[in-house]
Amino acid sequence: MTTITQAEATADSERVQELVEFYYDNEWTDGLPVVPVTQTLLDTFLATVSRDPEEVLFEIGHLNRRLTVRLAAINAAMAGCRPEYFPVVVSAWLAIAAEPHPARGIWQSTTGTAPLLVVNGPIRERIGLNSRGNVFGSGFRANATIGRAIRLGCINVFGLHPHKLDQATQGTPAKYSSCLAENEEQSPWEPLHVEHGYAADDDVVTAFVIRSVIHIEARHTQEPEQLARDFVDTIARTGALIHEYTSALLVLTPEHADVFARAGWSKQDLRDFVYAHAMRRREDLTAVGKDALSHKTRWRLPGSHPDSMPDSASATETPDRVPALSNPTSLQIMVAGADNAGVSAVVEIFTLNPPREIPLSLSKIGGSS
């Protein structure tokens, strides 16, 4: 990948346009224009981290391709990042590398998954990451370009072009960019990174591999049980049960988090309630052909299929009640969004069998790993 240009910063507008088209002609974009990268610009990015430019951050062995610090910096610059965002990008790649699925080819799959990044700690304010409104949308340079830096790395380093190595059937808008910050200031609970063992003043990136984001507009109740059951219905929908179990990130708006906090619920109380109630009746699964598992893949399929085997619930005392979550921690919880309406989101996390107890990976920004 040789995307660095020799143009000076004083290039005229026609030359800039030529460079933009040059990047398009070489298929170095995600469909949107990118920033041409000079050696001077690249050096400003590399100067923000204490790492060897040739250090490998992430590799996909079966593709025989590796992303180095230098390549990560080139793609971050192309994405429109400011140099001070680059330590976040590096930690994002390290968190992604700790996830089990990306290195195994999930981003080449027809499923169409994408990375979701969550940033915690004081760096949110220092670099202008949005946590308080339109968090899954546009309008904030840090969010948009940090997430985009990952996508451009996937395309330019690993060759994950749509219709080629990226075989997503439909994909997701998160394939352009998906990076948000937690609204720690308006959360009644400890933030995501503290829950997972970091100090409150640590800057941390959390990486998820996600399928989709589903919004739940619930302005109708101030009863925690009713609100939690509304979330349960989305988390345990039959469409989410591709494998035996599902996992989810519940992104609560401050208004919804306050409903639970005022009733004395902790984050763990909410997690336990959802885990206990995220069930499907066996007849619901039979109706959609998901009442059994495949011997070969462990995906759900009809009990009449020649490759079928009973699911785990079949051997319990309540075989007609099928849990959607394998563990309470299959549900992760954070707070983000504006404090202006009861609109939260369920982010569906990609889950295989057996599912991981903690379906995420974290990396401290500025850390050694």
Protein backbone atom coordinates (compact mmCIF):
# COMPACT_ATOMS: atom_id res chain seq x y z
CA MET A 1 0.00 0.00 0.00
CA THR A 2 1.72 3.18 -1.21
CA THR A 3 -0.78 5.93 -0.58
CA ILE A 4 1.63 8.72 0.38
CA THR A 5 1.78 11.55 -2.16
CA GLN A 6 4.67 13.85 -2.95
CA ALA A 7 2.46 16.94 -3.27
CA GLU A 8 3.26 19.94 -1.11
CA ALA A 9 0.70 21.45 1.25
CA THR A 10 0.44 24.47 -1.06
CA ALA A 11 -0.99 22.44 -3.97
CA ASP A 12 -3.74 24.21 -5.88
CA SER A 13 -7.34 23.03 -5.93
CA GLU A 14 -7.02 21.27 -9.28
CA ARG A 15 -4.06 19.26 -8.01
CA VAL A 16 -5.98 18.33 -4.86
CA GLN A 17 -8.85 17.10 -7.01
CA GLU A 18 -6.43 15.05 -9.09
CA LEU A 19 -5.08 13.45 -5.94
CA VAL A 20 -8.58 12.65 -4.66
CA GLU A 21 -9.37 10.97 -7.98
CA PHE A 22 -6.01 9.15 -7.84
CA TYR A 23 -7.06 7.54 -4.56
CA TYR A 24 -10.43 6.59 -6.07
CA ASP A 25 -8.74 5.08 -9.14
CA ASN A 26 -6.62 2.89 -6.87
CA GLU A 27 -9.65 1.79 -4.81
CA TRP A 28 -8.19 3.23 -1.62
CA THR A 29 -11.49 4.72 -0.42
CA ASP A 30 -14.70 3.56 1.22
CA GLY A 31 -16.73 5.34 -1.45
CA LEU A 32 -16.19 8.78 0.07
CA PRO A 33 -13.27 11.12 -0.66
CA VAL A 34 -10.15 10.69 1.44
CA VAL A 35 -7.42 13.07 2.55
CA PRO A 36 -4.22 12.75 0.46
CA VAL A 37 -1.34 11.81 2.74
CA THR A 38 2.12 13.36 2.54
CA GLN A 39 5.15 12.17 4.45
CA THR A 40 4.97 15.31 6.59
CA LEU A 41 1.38 14.56 7.57
CA LEU A 42 2.21 10.93 8.26
CA ASP A 43 5.10 11.94 10.53
CA THR A 44 2.79 14.08 12.67
CA PHE A 45 0.60 11.04 13.30
CA LEU A 46 3.48 8.72 14.12
CA ALA A 47 4.86 11.28 16.57
CA THR A 48 1.76 10.93 18.78
CA VAL A 49 2.58 7.34 19.82
CA SER A 50 5.68 5.70 21.27
CA ARG A 51 5.68 2.72 18.96
CA ASP A 52 7.86 1.40 16.17
CA PRO A 53 6.14 2.28 12.87
CA GLU A 54 6.65 -1.33 11.74
CA GLU A 55 5.06 -2.85 14.86
CA VAL A 56 2.17 -5.13 13.89
CA LEU A 57 -1.10 -4.18 15.56
CA PHE A 58 -3.39 -6.72 13.89
CA GLU A 59 -3.06 -9.51 11.36
CA ILE A 60 -5.34 -11.86 9.48
CA GLY A 61 -3.29 -15.00 9.01
CA HIS A 62 -5.28 -16.69 6.27
CA LEU A 63 -4.95 -13.52 4.15
CA ASN A 64 -1.25 -13.21 5.00
CA ARG A 65 -1.75 -9.50 5.68
CA ARG A 66 -0.67 -7.38 8.64
CA LEU A 67 -1.53 -3.89 9.80
CA THR A 68 1.43 -1.98 11.19
CA VAL A 69 1.46 1.27 13.14
CA ARG A 70 2.57 3.04 9.95
CA LEU A 71 -0.30 1.63 7.89
CA ALA A 72 -2.76 2.45 10.67
CA ALA A 73 -1.48 6.04 10.63
CA ILE A 74 -1.81 6.36 6.86
CA ASN A 75 -5.42 5.20 6.96
CA ALA A 76 -6.23 7.41 9.96
CA ALA A 77 -4.89 10.43 8.08
CA MET A 78 -6.85 9.43 4.97
CA ALA A 79 -9.98 9.09 7.09
CA GLY A 80 -9.70 12.73 8.17
CA CYS A 81 -8.45 12.14 11.71
CA ARG A 82 -6.50 14.82 13.52
CA PRO A 83 -3.10 13.55 14.73
CA GLU A 84 -4.25 13.67 18.35
CA TYR A 85 -6.89 11.03 17.54
CA PHE A 86 -4.26 8.50 16.50
CA PRO A 87 -3.56 7.01 19.98
CA VAL A 88 -7.28 6.12 20.08
CA VAL A 89 -7.03 4.47 16.66
CA VAL A 90 -4.02 2.42 17.77
CA SER A 91 -5.82 1.21 20.89
CA ALA A 92 -8.91 0.45 18.82
CA TRP A 93 -6.85 -1.85 16.61
CA LEU A 94 -5.38 -3.55 19.67
CA ALA A 95 -8.86 -4.13 21.10
CA ILE A 96 -10.00 -5.50 17.74
CA ALA A 97 -6.98 -7.81 17.69
CA ALA A 98 -8.09 -9.22 21.05
CA GLU A 99 -11.51 -10.10 19.64
CA PRO A 100 -11.68 -13.73 18.44
CA HIS A 101 -13.73 -13.24 15.28
CA PRO A 102 -12.02 -10.59 13.09
CA ALA A 103 -8.83 -12.60 12.61
CA ARG A 104 -10.91 -15.64 11.64
CA GLY A 105 -12.59 -13.94 8.71
CA ILE A 106 -15.87 -12.64 10.11
CA TRP A 107 -15.47 -9.41 8.11
CA GLN A 108 -15.36 -11.48 4.93
CA SER A 109 -18.60 -13.23 5.87
CA THR A 110 -22.02 -12.87 4.29
CA THR A 111 -23.29 -11.91 7.78
CA GLY A 112 -22.03 -8.35 7.29
CA THR A 113 -20.77 -7.56 10.77
CA ALA A 114 -18.83 -4.40 11.66
CA PRO A 115 -16.66 -3.11 14.50
CA LEU A 116 -18.23 -0.85 17.11
CA LEU A 117 -15.87 1.23 19.25
CA VAL A 118 -16.77 2.74 22.64
CA VAL A 119 -14.42 5.28 24.21
CA ASN A 120 -14.28 6.04 27.94
CA GLY A 121 -12.20 8.37 30.06
CA PRO A 122 -11.09 12.03 29.99
CA ILE A 123 -9.87 11.79 26.40
CA ARG A 124 -13.50 11.99 25.28
CA GLU A 125 -13.59 15.67 26.14
CA ARG A 126 -10.02 16.41 25.08
CA ILE A 127 -10.56 15.35 21.48
CA GLY A 128 -14.25 16.21 21.16
CA LEU A 129 -15.87 12.77 21.02
CA ASN A 130 -19.66 12.96 21.03
CA SER A 131 -21.57 11.13 23.75
CA ARG A 132 -24.69 13.29 24.15
CA GLY A 133 -26.93 13.14 21.11
CA ASN A 134 -27.05 11.53 17.66
CA VAL A 135 -24.35 9.18 18.94
CA PHE A 136 -24.97 6.66 16.16
CA GLY A 137 -25.21 9.46 13.59
CA SER A 138 -23.09 12.09 11.91
CA GLY A 139 -21.75 15.51 12.81
CA PHE A 140 -18.66 14.97 14.97
CA ARG A 141 -15.24 14.69 13.44
CA ALA A 142 -13.61 12.54 16.12
CA ASN A 143 -16.38 9.92 16.13
CA ALA A 144 -16.70 9.83 12.35
CA THR A 145 -13.01 9.67 11.49
CA ILE A 146 -11.80 7.31 14.22
CA GLY A 147 -14.38 4.75 13.17
CA ARG A 148 -13.63 5.40 9.52
CA ALA A 149 -9.91 4.85 10.11
CA ILE A 150 -10.71 1.26 11.02
CA ARG A 151 -12.84 0.74 7.92
CA LEU A 152 -10.20 2.17 5.61
CA GLY A 153 -7.61 -0.10 7.22
CA CYS A 154 -9.85 -3.09 6.53
CA ILE A 155 -10.14 -2.07 2.89
CA ASN A 156 -6.61 -0.92 2.14
CA VAL A 157 -4.53 -3.28 4.27
CA PHE A 158 -6.66 -6.42 4.32
CA GLY A 159 -8.32 -6.03 0.93
CA LEU A 160 -11.86 -6.17 2.31
CA HIS A 161 -13.54 -4.52 -0.67
CA PRO A 162 -17.28 -5.12 -1.15
CA HIS A 163 -18.04 -7.71 -3.85
CA LYS A 164 -14.51 -9.06 -3.41
CA LEU A 165 -13.13 -10.29 -0.08
CA ASP A 166 -16.00 -8.56 1.75
CA GLN A 167 -18.95 -10.80 0.88
CA ALA A 168 -21.55 -9.12 3.13
CA THR A 169 -25.02 -9.85 1.77
CA GLN A 170 -26.44 -6.51 2.92
CA GLY A 171 -23.94 -5.12 5.42
CA THR A 172 -24.67 -2.32 7.88
CA PRO A 173 -24.15 1.47 7.99
CA ALA A 174 -21.62 0.73 10.75
CA LYS A 175 -19.30 -0.47 7.99
CA TYR A 176 -18.60 3.20 7.24
CA SER A 177 -17.89 4.18 10.83
CA SER A 178 -19.14 3.31 14.30
CA CYS A 179 -17.46 5.03 17.23
CA LEU A 180 -19.19 6.58 20.23
CA ALA A 181 -18.25 7.81 23.67
CA GLU A 182 -20.07 6.93 26.86
CA ASN A 183 -22.01 9.76 28.49
CA GLU A 184 -20.32 9.18 31.84
CA GLU A 185 -21.39 12.52 33.28
CA GLN A 186 -25.11 11.70 32.98
CA SER A 187 -24.89 8.05 33.93
CA PRO A 188 -26.07 7.00 37.41
CA TRP A 189 -23.69 4.02 37.35
CA GLU A 190 -20.01 3.29 36.90
CA PRO A 191 -18.94 3.56 33.26
CA LEU A 192 -18.17 0.59 31.04
CA HIS A 193 -14.38 0.65 31.45
CA VAL A 194 -14.55 0.91 35.26
CA GLU A 195 -16.91 -2.06 35.34
CA HIS A 196 -14.19 -4.03 33.55
CA GLY A 197 -11.38 -3.16 35.95
CA TYR A 198 -9.96 0.17 34.77
CA ALA A 199 -9.66 3.36 36.80
CA ALA A 200 -12.15 6.14 36.17
CA ASP A 201 -9.42 8.42 34.79
CA ASP A 202 -8.04 5.78 32.42
CA ASP A 203 -8.68 6.34 28.72
CA VAL A 204 -9.97 3.09 27.23
CA VAL A 205 -11.34 1.80 23.93
CA THR A 206 -13.77 -1.12 23.94
CA ALA A 207 -14.32 -3.09 20.74
CA PHE A 208 -17.39 -5.11 19.82
CA VAL A 209 -18.22 -7.04 16.66
CA ILE A 210 -21.83 -6.13 15.92
CA ARG A 211 -24.66 -7.14 13.63
CA SER A 212 -27.10 -4.25 13.98
CA VAL A 213 -28.45 -1.39 16.08
CA ILE A 214 -32.15 -1.41 16.98
CA HIS A 215 -33.76 1.61 18.64
CA ILE A 216 -36.45 1.27 21.31
CA GLU A 217 -38.58 4.37 21.72
CA ALA A 218 -40.15 4.01 25.17
CA ARG A 219 -41.59 7.28 26.45
CA HIS A 220 -44.68 5.64 27.91
CA THR A 221 -43.56 4.37 31.31
CA GLN A 222 -41.56 5.23 34.41
CA GLU A 223 -41.84 1.67 35.76
CA PRO A 224 -38.47 -0.12 35.60
CA GLU A 225 -39.99 -3.56 35.11
CA GLN A 226 -42.08 -2.39 32.15
CA LEU A 227 -39.15 -0.63 30.54
CA ALA A 228 -36.85 -3.61 31.06
CA ARG A 229 -39.40 -5.95 29.50
CA ASP A 230 -39.54 -3.69 26.45
CA PHE A 231 -35.78 -4.16 26.05
CA VAL A 232 -36.13 -7.90 26.64
CA ASP A 233 -38.56 -8.22 23.74
CA THR A 234 -35.98 -6.82 21.32
CA ILE A 235 -33.02 -8.72 22.75
CA ALA A 236 -34.83 -12.07 22.65
CA ARG A 237 -36.52 -11.70 19.27
CA THR A 238 -36.36 -14.86 17.15
CA GLY A 239 -34.42 -13.00 14.45
CA ALA A 240 -31.55 -12.54 16.90
CA LEU A 241 -31.30 -16.26 17.59
CA ILE A 242 -29.17 -17.30 14.65
CA HIS A 243 -27.06 -19.45 16.96
CA GLU A 244 -28.16 -21.04 20.23
CA TYR A 245 -27.76 -17.78 22.14
CA THR A 246 -27.36 -14.09 21.44
CA SER A 247 -25.43 -11.25 23.11
CA ALA A 248 -26.22 -7.55 23.25
CA LEU A 249 -25.01 -4.11 24.27
CA LEU A 250 -27.79 -2.03 25.78
CA VAL A 251 -27.10 1.65 25.12
CA LEU A 252 -29.38 3.52 27.50
CA THR A 253 -30.29 7.16 27.11
CA PRO A 254 -29.83 9.11 30.39
CA GLU A 255 -33.62 9.34 30.79
CA HIS A 256 -33.99 5.56 30.74
CA ALA A 257 -30.98 5.01 33.01
CA ASP A 258 -32.57 7.38 35.52
CA VAL A 259 -35.80 5.35 35.51
CA PHE A 260 -33.86 2.39 36.82
CA ALA A 261 -31.62 4.36 39.18
CA ARG A 262 -34.55 6.17 40.83
CA ALA A 263 -36.12 2.78 41.53
CA GLY A 264 -32.90 1.66 43.21
CA TRP A 265 -31.76 -0.62 40.41
CA SER A 266 -28.04 -1.08 39.82
CA LYS A 267 -26.60 -1.96 36.46
CA GLN A 268 -26.31 -5.55 37.69
CA ASP A 269 -29.97 -5.55 38.75
CA LEU A 270 -30.98 -4.60 35.22
CA ARG A 271 -28.66 -7.21 33.73
CA ASP A 272 -30.05 -9.93 36.00
CA PHE A 273 -33.66 -8.99 35.20
CA VAL A 274 -33.04 -9.10 31.46
CA TYR A 275 -31.19 -12.42 31.74
CA ALA A 276 -34.03 -13.99 33.73
CA HIS A 277 -36.75 -12.78 31.34
CA ALA A 278 -35.04 -13.08 27.95
CA MET A 279 -36.79 -16.34 27.10
CA ARG A 280 -38.66 -17.71 24.09
CA ARG A 281 -41.34 -20.35 24.22
CA ARG A 282 -40.41 -23.53 22.37
CA GLU A 283 -43.47 -23.12 20.17
CA ASP A 284 -42.26 -19.66 19.10
CA LEU A 285 -39.01 -21.17 17.87
CA THR A 286 -40.78 -24.09 16.21
CA ALA A 287 -43.00 -21.64 14.32
CA VAL A 288 -39.95 -20.01 12.71
CA GLY A 289 -37.92 -23.21 12.26
CA LYS A 290 -35.40 -22.57 15.02
CA ASP A 291 -36.27 -25.18 17.63
CA ALA A 292 -33.07 -27.23 17.24
CA LEU A 293 -29.35 -26.85 16.46
CA SER A 294 -27.15 -28.04 13.64
CA HIS A 295 -24.70 -30.81 14.58
CA LYS A 296 -22.11 -29.26 12.27
CA THR A 297 -22.46 -25.50 12.79
CA ARG A 298 -24.53 -25.15 15.97
CA TRP A 299 -26.75 -22.69 14.08
CA ARG A 300 -30.46 -22.89 14.79
CA LEU A 301 -32.61 -24.89 12.37
CA PRO A 302 -35.86 -26.93 12.38
CA GLY A 303 -36.06 -30.02 14.51
CA SER A 304 -37.08 -31.93 11.38
CA HIS A 305 -33.77 -31.18 9.64
CA PRO A 306 -31.55 -34.28 9.18
CA ASP A 307 -28.59 -32.45 10.76
CA SER A 308 -30.59 -31.32 13.81
CA MET A 309 -29.78 -31.95 17.44
CA PRO A 310 -31.58 -30.73 20.61
CA ASP A 311 -30.55 -27.40 22.07
CA SER A 312 -29.30 -27.07 25.65
CA ALA A 313 -32.71 -26.05 27.01
CA SER A 314 -34.18 -29.36 25.87
CA ALA A 315 -32.31 -31.17 28.63
CA THR A 316 -33.50 -28.87 31.43
CA GLU A 317 -36.56 -29.14 33.68
CA THR A 318 -38.24 -26.45 31.57
CA PRO A 319 -37.55 -27.53 27.97
CA ASP A 320 -40.31 -25.31 26.63
CA ARG A 321 -38.60 -22.15 27.94
CA VAL A 322 -35.54 -21.38 25.87
CA PRO A 323 -33.11 -18.72 27.16
CA ALA A 324 -31.78 -16.18 24.66
CA LEU A 325 -28.69 -15.34 26.76
CA SER A 326 -26.17 -17.87 28.03
CA ASN A 327 -24.98 -15.70 30.92
CA PRO A 328 -26.01 -12.41 32.57
CA THR A 329 -22.82 -10.82 31.21
CA SER A 330 -23.99 -11.62 27.67
CA LEU A 331 -25.72 -8.28 28.18
CA GLN A 332 -23.39 -5.28 28.47
CA ILE A 333 -24.81 -1.89 29.51
CA MET A 334 -23.66 1.69 28.95
CA VAL A 335 -25.20 5.18 28.82
CA ALA A 336 -25.03 7.44 25.77
CA GLY A 337 -27.24 9.95 24.03
CA ALA A 338 -29.02 13.18 24.83
CA ASP A 339 -31.09 13.64 27.96
CA ASN A 340 -34.13 14.73 25.97
CA ALA A 341 -36.23 11.61 25.27
CA GLY A 342 -36.75 7.97 26.13
CA VAL A 343 -34.95 6.50 23.12
CA SER A 344 -32.39 3.76 23.78
CA ALA A 345 -30.78 1.11 21.59
CA VAL A 346 -30.03 -2.60 21.57
CA VAL A 347 -26.81 -3.37 19.72
CA GLU A 348 -26.75 -6.99 18.62
CA ILE A 349 -23.29 -8.50 19.20
CA PHE A 350 -22.04 -11.29 16.97
CA THR A 351 -22.11 -14.52 18.97
CA LEU A 352 -20.94 -18.04 18.15
CA ASN A 353 -21.15 -21.32 20.05
CA PRO A 354 -20.03 -21.63 22.72
CA PRO A 355 -20.64 -17.94 23.45
CA ARG A 356 -18.08 -15.87 25.32
CA GLU A 357 -18.98 -14.88 28.86
CA ILE A 358 -17.75 -11.31 28.19
CA PRO A 359 -18.48 -10.41 24.53
CA LEU A 360 -16.02 -7.51 24.15
CA SER A 361 -12.34 -6.56 24.32
CA LEU A 362 -10.72 -3.47 25.85
CA SER A 363 -7.44 -1.62 25.36
CA LYS A 364 -6.04 1.26 27.40
CA ILE A 365 -5.15 4.26 25.26
CA GLY A 366 -1.44 4.89 25.47
CA GLY A 367 -0.86 1.47 27.01
CA SER A 368 1.71 -1.07 25.88
CA SER A 369 -0.86 -3.60 24.69
